[in-house]
Protein backbone atom coordinates (compact mmCIF):
# COMPACT_ATOMS: atom_id res chain seq x y z
CA UNK A 1 48.15 -76.97 1.09
CA UNK A 2 45.04 -74.55 2.05
CA UNK A 3 41.99 -76.72 1.68
CA UNK A 4 38.97 -75.95 -0.68
CA UNK A 5 35.77 -76.75 1.15
CA UNK A 6 35.49 -75.99 5.47
CA UNK A 7 33.06 -77.54 7.83
CA UNK A 8 32.43 -76.11 10.85
CA UNK A 9 30.51 -78.26 12.75
CA UNK A 10 29.72 -77.43 16.42
CA UNK A 11 28.29 -80.33 18.73
CA UNK A 12 27.53 -81.25 22.58
CA UNK A 13 26.64 -84.58 23.69
CA UNK A 14 26.85 -86.22 20.17
CA UNK A 15 28.99 -89.16 20.48
CA UNK A 16 27.36 -91.54 18.19
CA UNK A 17 27.36 -89.68 15.26
CA UNK A 18 30.30 -88.26 14.77
CA UNK A 19 32.44 -91.14 13.24
CA UNK A 20 29.68 -92.32 10.87
CA UNK A 21 29.16 -87.83 10.07
CA UNK A 22 32.86 -87.23 8.86
CA UNK A 23 32.79 -90.23 6.86
CA UNK A 24 29.68 -89.42 5.19
CA UNK A 25 31.09 -86.20 3.71
CA UNK A 26 33.87 -87.50 2.67
CA UNK A 27 32.34 -90.08 0.67
CA UNK A 28 30.15 -87.15 -0.41
CA UNK A 29 32.72 -84.93 -1.09
CA UNK A 30 34.79 -87.86 -2.96
CA UNK A 31 32.43 -88.71 -5.57
CA UNK A 32 32.13 -84.58 -6.72
CA UNK A 33 35.50 -83.19 -6.23
CA UNK A 34 37.79 -82.93 -9.25
CA UNK A 35 41.13 -83.56 -7.74
CA UNK A 36 44.28 -81.57 -8.89
CA UNK A 37 47.51 -83.25 -10.19
CA UNK A 38 49.12 -84.06 -6.85
CA UNK A 39 46.15 -82.97 -4.69
CA UNK A 40 44.84 -86.13 -2.28
CA UNK A 41 41.62 -86.15 -1.33
CA UNK A 42 41.77 -84.86 2.72
CA UNK A 43 44.03 -82.21 1.70
CA UNK A 44 40.80 -80.88 -0.66
CA UNK A 45 39.27 -80.57 2.63
CA UNK A 46 37.87 -80.05 6.84
CA UNK A 47 36.51 -80.58 8.83
CA UNK A 48 36.46 -77.81 12.01
CA UNK A 49 34.42 -79.94 15.40
CA UNK A 50 33.70 -77.55 18.53
CA UNK A 51 33.12 -78.82 21.51
CA UNK A 52 30.34 -76.60 23.28
CA UNK A 53 30.54 -78.09 26.75
CA UNK A 54 29.91 -81.69 26.05
CA UNK A 55 29.50 -84.30 29.35
CA UNK A 56 29.88 -87.62 26.53
CA UNK A 57 32.21 -89.42 24.28
CA UNK A 58 32.16 -86.61 21.82
CA UNK A 59 35.44 -85.62 22.43
CA UNK A 60 36.91 -88.60 22.68
CA UNK A 61 35.80 -89.33 18.81
CA UNK A 62 36.92 -86.39 17.60
CA UNK A 63 40.45 -87.17 19.27
CA UNK A 64 40.19 -90.60 17.69
CA UNK A 65 39.16 -88.79 14.17
CA UNK A 66 42.70 -87.09 14.69
CA UNK A 67 44.82 -89.68 15.34
CA UNK A 68 43.76 -91.08 11.29
CA UNK A 69 43.03 -88.63 9.73
CA UNK A 70 45.11 -85.06 9.06
CA UNK A 71 42.44 -82.37 8.55
CA UNK A 72 40.12 -82.49 11.22
CA UNK A 73 40.81 -80.49 14.14
CA UNK A 74 39.70 -79.77 17.55
CA UNK A 75 37.81 -77.06 19.28
CA UNK A 76 37.38 -77.28 22.48
CA UNK A 77 35.07 -75.06 24.38
CA UNK A 78 35.53 -74.12 28.47
CA UNK A 79 31.59 -74.57 28.64
CA UNK A 80 28.50 -74.35 26.57
CA UNK A 81 28.58 -70.75 25.40
CA UNK A 82 26.14 -71.20 22.04
CA UNK A 83 25.83 -72.35 18.76
CA UNK A 84 26.23 -68.72 17.46
CA UNK A 85 29.55 -68.65 20.06
CA UNK A 86 30.93 -72.50 18.79
CA UNK A 87 30.34 -70.85 14.94
CA UNK A 88 32.12 -68.67 15.81
CA UNK A 89 35.49 -70.49 17.04
CA UNK A 90 34.75 -72.32 13.79
CA UNK A 91 34.62 -69.68 11.56
CA UNK A 92 37.73 -68.34 13.16
CA UNK A 93 39.33 -71.37 12.72
CA UNK A 94 38.52 -72.73 8.82
CA UNK A 95 40.95 -71.85 5.50
CA UNK A 96 38.53 -72.72 3.08
CA UNK A 97 36.63 -70.71 0.44
CA UNK A 98 33.72 -72.22 0.47
CA UNK A 99 32.10 -73.12 4.22
CA UNK A 100 29.48 -75.35 5.41
CA UNK A 101 27.68 -75.39 8.28
CA UNK A 102 25.92 -78.40 9.37
CA UNK A 103 24.35 -80.21 12.84
CA UNK A 104 26.65 -83.31 14.35
CA UNK A 105 23.04 -85.11 15.01
CA UNK A 106 22.85 -86.85 11.06
CA UNK A 107 19.44 -84.64 10.89
CA UNK A 108 21.40 -83.25 7.54
CA UNK A 109 22.01 -85.50 4.83
CA UNK A 110 25.98 -85.12 3.73
CA UNK A 111 24.54 -86.12 0.18
CA UNK A 112 23.13 -82.89 -0.32
CA UNK A 113 27.05 -81.26 -0.35
CA UNK A 114 26.99 -81.09 -4.65
CA UNK A 115 23.87 -79.43 -4.30
CA UNK A 116 25.12 -76.52 -2.70
CA UNK A 117 28.87 -76.34 -4.61
CA UNK A 118 26.05 -76.23 -7.48
CA UNK A 119 24.04 -73.23 -6.27
CA UNK A 120 27.06 -71.81 -5.26
CA UNK A 121 28.81 -72.07 -9.17
CA UNK A 122 25.84 -70.04 -10.29
CA UNK A 123 26.74 -66.53 -8.30
CA UNK A 124 25.15 -67.30 -4.86
CA UNK A 125 27.27 -66.00 -1.78
CA UNK A 126 25.33 -67.94 0.53
CA UNK A 127 22.89 -70.76 0.30
CA UNK A 128 20.69 -71.60 3.12
CA UNK A 129 19.12 -75.43 3.19
CA UNK A 130 15.04 -75.89 3.99
CA UNK A 131 13.73 -78.99 5.18
CA UNK A 132 10.94 -78.67 3.41
CA UNK A 133 9.71 -82.44 4.76
CA UNK A 134 10.83 -82.41 8.17
CA UNK A 135 11.17 -84.88 9.94
CA UNK A 136 10.68 -83.46 13.45
CA UNK A 137 7.91 -83.59 16.15
CA UNK A 138 4.50 -80.57 16.15
CA UNK A 139 6.06 -79.00 19.03
CA UNK A 140 8.99 -78.40 17.04
CA UNK A 141 7.75 -77.61 13.99
CA UNK A 142 5.51 -75.23 14.43
CA UNK A 143 7.13 -72.48 16.72
CA UNK A 144 10.03 -72.70 13.59
CA UNK A 145 7.23 -72.22 11.06
CA UNK A 146 5.63 -69.39 13.51
CA UNK A 147 9.41 -67.99 13.41
CA UNK A 148 10.06 -68.20 10.24
CA UNK A 149 7.20 -66.01 9.19
CA UNK A 150 8.10 -63.96 11.51
CA UNK A 151 11.40 -63.06 10.04
CA UNK A 152 10.30 -62.56 6.56
CA UNK A 153 7.93 -60.25 7.98
CA UNK A 154 10.06 -57.54 9.76
CA UNK A 155 12.98 -57.90 7.53
CA UNK A 156 11.94 -59.39 4.34
CA UNK A 157 13.82 -62.07 3.27
CA UNK A 158 12.16 -64.63 1.17
CA UNK A 159 13.54 -67.78 3.17
CA UNK A 160 11.69 -70.36 4.40
CA UNK A 161 13.65 -71.77 6.97
CA UNK A 162 16.46 -69.43 8.31
CA UNK A 163 16.76 -71.94 11.32
CA UNK A 164 18.01 -74.13 9.35
CA UNK A 165 21.70 -75.06 10.50
CA UNK A 166 22.85 -76.64 6.36
CA UNK A 167 24.14 -74.32 4.92
CA UNK A 168 27.17 -72.95 2.21
CA UNK A 169 28.94 -69.76 2.86
CA UNK A 170 31.75 -68.20 0.34
CA UNK A 171 35.00 -66.90 2.59
CA UNK A 172 33.73 -63.21 2.23
CA UNK A 173 30.47 -63.71 3.86
CA UNK A 174 32.25 -65.90 7.16
CA UNK A 175 34.73 -62.39 6.83
CA UNK A 176 32.33 -59.62 7.02
CA UNK A 177 29.44 -61.35 9.22
CA UNK A 178 29.90 -61.34 12.83
CA UNK A 179 28.30 -64.13 15.34
CA UNK A 180 27.21 -62.87 19.10
CA UNK A 181 24.13 -64.02 21.41
CA UNK A 182 22.20 -66.47 18.91
CA UNK A 183 21.88 -64.76 16.03
CA UNK A 184 23.87 -67.79 13.81
CA UNK A 185 19.88 -68.13 12.77
CA UNK A 186 20.35 -65.12 10.95
CA UNK A 187 23.40 -64.80 9.06
CA UNK A 188 21.57 -65.06 5.54
CA UNK A 189 19.77 -62.14 6.73
CA UNK A 190 23.00 -60.16 8.08
CA UNK A 191 24.56 -61.22 4.95
CA UNK A 192 21.69 -60.08 2.73
CA UNK A 193 22.01 -56.85 4.19
CA UNK A 194 25.58 -56.59 2.85
CA UNK A 195 24.19 -56.66 -0.69
CA UNK A 196 25.44 -60.79 -0.88
CA UNK A 197 23.62 -63.21 -2.90
CA UNK A 198 21.87 -65.73 -1.12
CA UNK A 199 19.81 -68.60 -2.66
CA UNK A 200 18.01 -71.49 -1.33
CA UNK A 201 17.82 -75.35 -1.78
CA UNK A 202 15.26 -77.75 -0.39
CA UNK A 203 17.06 -80.37 1.50
CA UNK A 204 16.29 -84.09 2.36
CA UNK A 205 15.63 -84.42 6.68
CA UNK A 206 16.24 -86.86 8.17
CA UNK A 207 14.78 -88.25 11.81
CA UNK A 208 16.62 -87.68 14.94
CA UNK A 209 18.57 -91.45 15.84
CA UNK A 210 20.70 -90.77 18.16
CA UNK A 211 20.93 -88.81 21.22
CA UNK A 212 18.65 -85.43 23.34
CA UNK A 213 17.23 -82.57 21.05
CA UNK A 214 18.29 -79.35 22.23
CA UNK A 215 15.74 -77.73 21.52
CA UNK A 216 13.42 -76.08 24.26
CA UNK A 217 10.93 -73.61 24.65
CA UNK A 218 12.64 -70.70 25.93
CA UNK A 219 15.17 -70.65 23.13
CA UNK A 220 11.44 -69.57 20.84
CA UNK A 221 11.20 -66.61 22.53
CA UNK A 222 15.36 -66.01 22.57
CA UNK A 223 14.56 -65.98 18.65
CA UNK A 224 12.27 -63.28 19.41
CA UNK A 225 14.28 -60.81 20.92
CA UNK A 226 17.04 -61.92 18.41
CA UNK A 227 15.27 -60.59 15.60
CA UNK A 228 14.33 -57.26 17.46
CA UNK A 229 17.67 -57.00 17.86
CA UNK A 230 18.51 -58.03 14.08
CA UNK A 231 15.34 -55.56 13.09
CA UNK A 232 17.50 -52.56 15.30
CA UNK A 233 21.04 -53.58 13.41
CA UNK A 234 19.61 -53.60 10.74
CA UNK A 235 18.33 -50.13 11.15
CA UNK A 236 21.42 -48.42 13.22
CA UNK A 237 23.93 -51.00 12.74
CA UNK A 238 26.22 -47.31 11.61
CA UNK A 239 24.59 -44.48 13.91
CA UNK A 240 22.53 -46.17 16.80
CA UNK A 241 22.99 -41.93 17.93
CA UNK A 242 20.17 -41.41 14.82
CA UNK A 243 17.59 -43.80 16.62
CA UNK A 244 18.31 -42.90 20.49
CA UNK A 245 19.17 -38.38 19.16
CA UNK A 246 15.33 -38.66 17.62
CA UNK A 247 13.56 -39.91 20.57
CA UNK A 248 15.49 -37.77 22.84
CA UNK A 249 15.38 -34.50 20.56
CA UNK A 250 11.96 -35.12 20.49
CA UNK A 251 11.07 -35.92 24.27
CA UNK A 252 13.20 -32.71 25.06
CA UNK A 253 10.88 -30.28 22.70
CA UNK A 254 8.81 -31.38 24.41
CA UNK A 255 9.38 -31.00 27.74
CA UNK A 256 10.85 -27.83 27.02
CA UNK A 257 7.76 -26.77 25.29
CA UNK A 258 5.69 -27.29 28.08
CA UNK A 259 8.29 -25.76 30.91
CA UNK A 260 8.16 -22.73 28.63
CA UNK A 261 4.90 -22.38 28.54
CA UNK A 262 4.48 -22.50 32.30
CA UNK A 263 7.32 -20.47 33.08
CA UNK A 264 5.22 -17.92 31.12
CA UNK A 265 1.65 -18.19 32.80
CA UNK A 266 3.89 -18.16 35.95
CA UNK A 267 5.14 -15.34 34.94
CA UNK A 268 1.78 -13.56 34.15
CA UNK A 269 0.92 -14.58 37.99
CA UNK A 270 -0.65 -18.05 37.72
CA UNK A 271 0.38 -20.95 40.50
CA UNK A 272 2.28 -23.88 38.20
CA UNK A 273 3.46 -25.55 41.75
CA UNK A 274 0.32 -27.70 41.68
CA UNK A 275 0.27 -28.71 38.25
CA UNK A 276 0.25 -32.24 36.49
CA UNK A 277 2.09 -30.67 33.52
CA UNK A 278 4.81 -28.94 35.19
CA UNK A 279 6.14 -33.00 36.44
CA UNK A 280 4.99 -33.77 32.57
CA UNK A 281 7.52 -31.43 31.35
CA UNK A 282 10.49 -31.58 33.88
CA UNK A 283 9.70 -35.79 33.39
CA UNK A 284 9.55 -35.26 29.67
CA UNK A 285 13.23 -33.33 29.28
CA UNK A 286 14.96 -35.22 32.12
CA UNK A 287 14.08 -38.38 29.68
CA UNK A 288 15.16 -36.91 26.38
CA UNK A 289 18.59 -35.87 27.45
CA UNK A 290 18.64 -39.94 28.92
CA UNK A 291 17.98 -40.72 25.39
CA UNK A 292 20.38 -38.73 23.72
CA UNK A 293 23.06 -39.44 26.26
CA UNK A 294 22.63 -43.54 25.78
CA UNK A 295 23.18 -42.72 22.18
CA UNK A 296 26.46 -41.24 22.72
CA UNK A 297 27.15 -43.88 24.78
CA UNK A 298 25.96 -46.50 21.80
CA UNK A 299 28.24 -44.92 19.79
CA UNK A 300 31.26 -44.75 22.33
CA UNK A 301 30.34 -48.90 22.42
CA UNK A 302 30.26 -49.32 19.05
CA UNK A 303 33.95 -47.51 18.41
CA UNK A 304 35.65 -49.87 21.12
CA UNK A 305 34.26 -52.53 20.62
CA UNK A 306 35.55 -52.59 17.11
CA UNK A 307 38.45 -53.97 17.14
CA UNK A 308 36.78 -57.46 18.02
CA UNK A 309 36.61 -59.93 21.03
CA UNK A 310 35.63 -63.13 20.36
CA UNK A 311 32.63 -64.08 22.12
CA UNK A 312 33.86 -67.49 23.64
CA UNK A 313 36.70 -68.77 25.90
CA UNK A 314 39.03 -72.15 24.10
CA UNK A 315 40.09 -73.78 25.89
CA UNK A 316 42.38 -75.96 23.74
CA UNK A 317 42.30 -76.79 19.79
CA UNK A 318 43.58 -80.25 18.12
CA UNK A 319 44.26 -81.51 14.99
CA UNK A 320 46.95 -83.72 13.37
CA UNK A 321 49.88 -82.20 13.99
CA UNK A 322 49.52 -80.67 17.27
CA UNK A 323 47.56 -79.55 20.17
CA UNK A 324 47.31 -76.08 21.24
CA UNK A 325 45.74 -75.22 25.27
CA UNK A 326 44.66 -76.96 28.35
CA UNK A 327 45.43 -80.89 27.59
CA UNK A 328 43.00 -83.33 29.16
CA UNK A 329 44.42 -84.19 32.86
CA UNK A 330 45.15 -87.85 31.95
CA UNK A 331 48.00 -86.01 29.70
CA UNK A 332 49.06 -83.45 32.56
CA UNK A 333 52.60 -84.82 33.83
CA UNK A 334 52.13 -85.81 37.39
CA UNK A 335 53.82 -83.70 39.89
CA UNK A 336 57.07 -85.86 41.45
CA UNK A 337 55.93 -86.73 44.93
CA UNK A 338 58.91 -86.69 48.08
CA UNK A 339 59.74 -90.42 49.37
CA UNK A 340 58.77 -90.87 52.60
CA UNK A 341 60.87 -89.88 55.28
CA UNK A 342 62.02 -87.51 52.77
CA UNK A 343 62.42 -83.54 53.34
CA UNK A 344 61.28 -80.61 51.40
CA UNK A 345 63.02 -77.47 50.78
CA UNK A 346 59.66 -75.66 53.01
CA UNK A 347 60.08 -78.20 56.16
CA UNK A 348 62.29 -76.43 59.13
């Protein structure tokens, strides 16, 4: 039976929280879901955990959940690919008509799940959480507020907190928004641009009780660069040649105009070899041609990548019924060694 609700939960070194998170989600759905005749709660929802390079016992915790519950799946990546890639891996696996994303550190409260479902029932395609009272240090809160203000200014979207990982999506949003880089925080912006209806609710936010925050100063500046990327995508995703072509055309026209003027006065007998204007004209012409070529190359790249290649490499996928990929070393078959004194096929 296909689950109605899916949870995509990336994690990295969160061994102390995963079992409690599963129980919290289960209890919340048990209180709000109306099961159809013959349907069990474990059939109504699934959780896809994505290991993004954990070095502690997190993977073992999820494997223990899989042994007990048929609705848990583990996707283990080959190292740390980042949250966007981890979510993209989860999105490729989830089956529900409604998909939740939330952090694995228990700062997001599963008790808020029914409120997200209520907002989706009002006709929204994506509902984003808003940590109105945030239990984080000022070194994390202040950059987030500055960043969100910039996002609102640049994109025109009115959400208070695009950074909040607690979100609920209709399946159609997941199928139409591609994640790479650090663009997971801009999913509401990209969805809004594709004319999906976006809602927002204030949610509880708990202080971190286990593990270590993965937030760092570099994340803020990476977010700024991704903001510029999103702005460019919103303007020129379909036809980047319009951007580069406009710059290239203006530069080429200016360069050719300058060179044409210099050619006329040269014909009239003036010396132009020592004029800086000649260098400027040639430079503008060359740069203009380069911009035009860049635009054509960008169009070609979009065409070639339209078939899609996931921004991650999966080591293995584990669910209640099967395991695909590289098994842990402890499960590998050990090569049989020859008894002492026995010869092998390669012996002379």
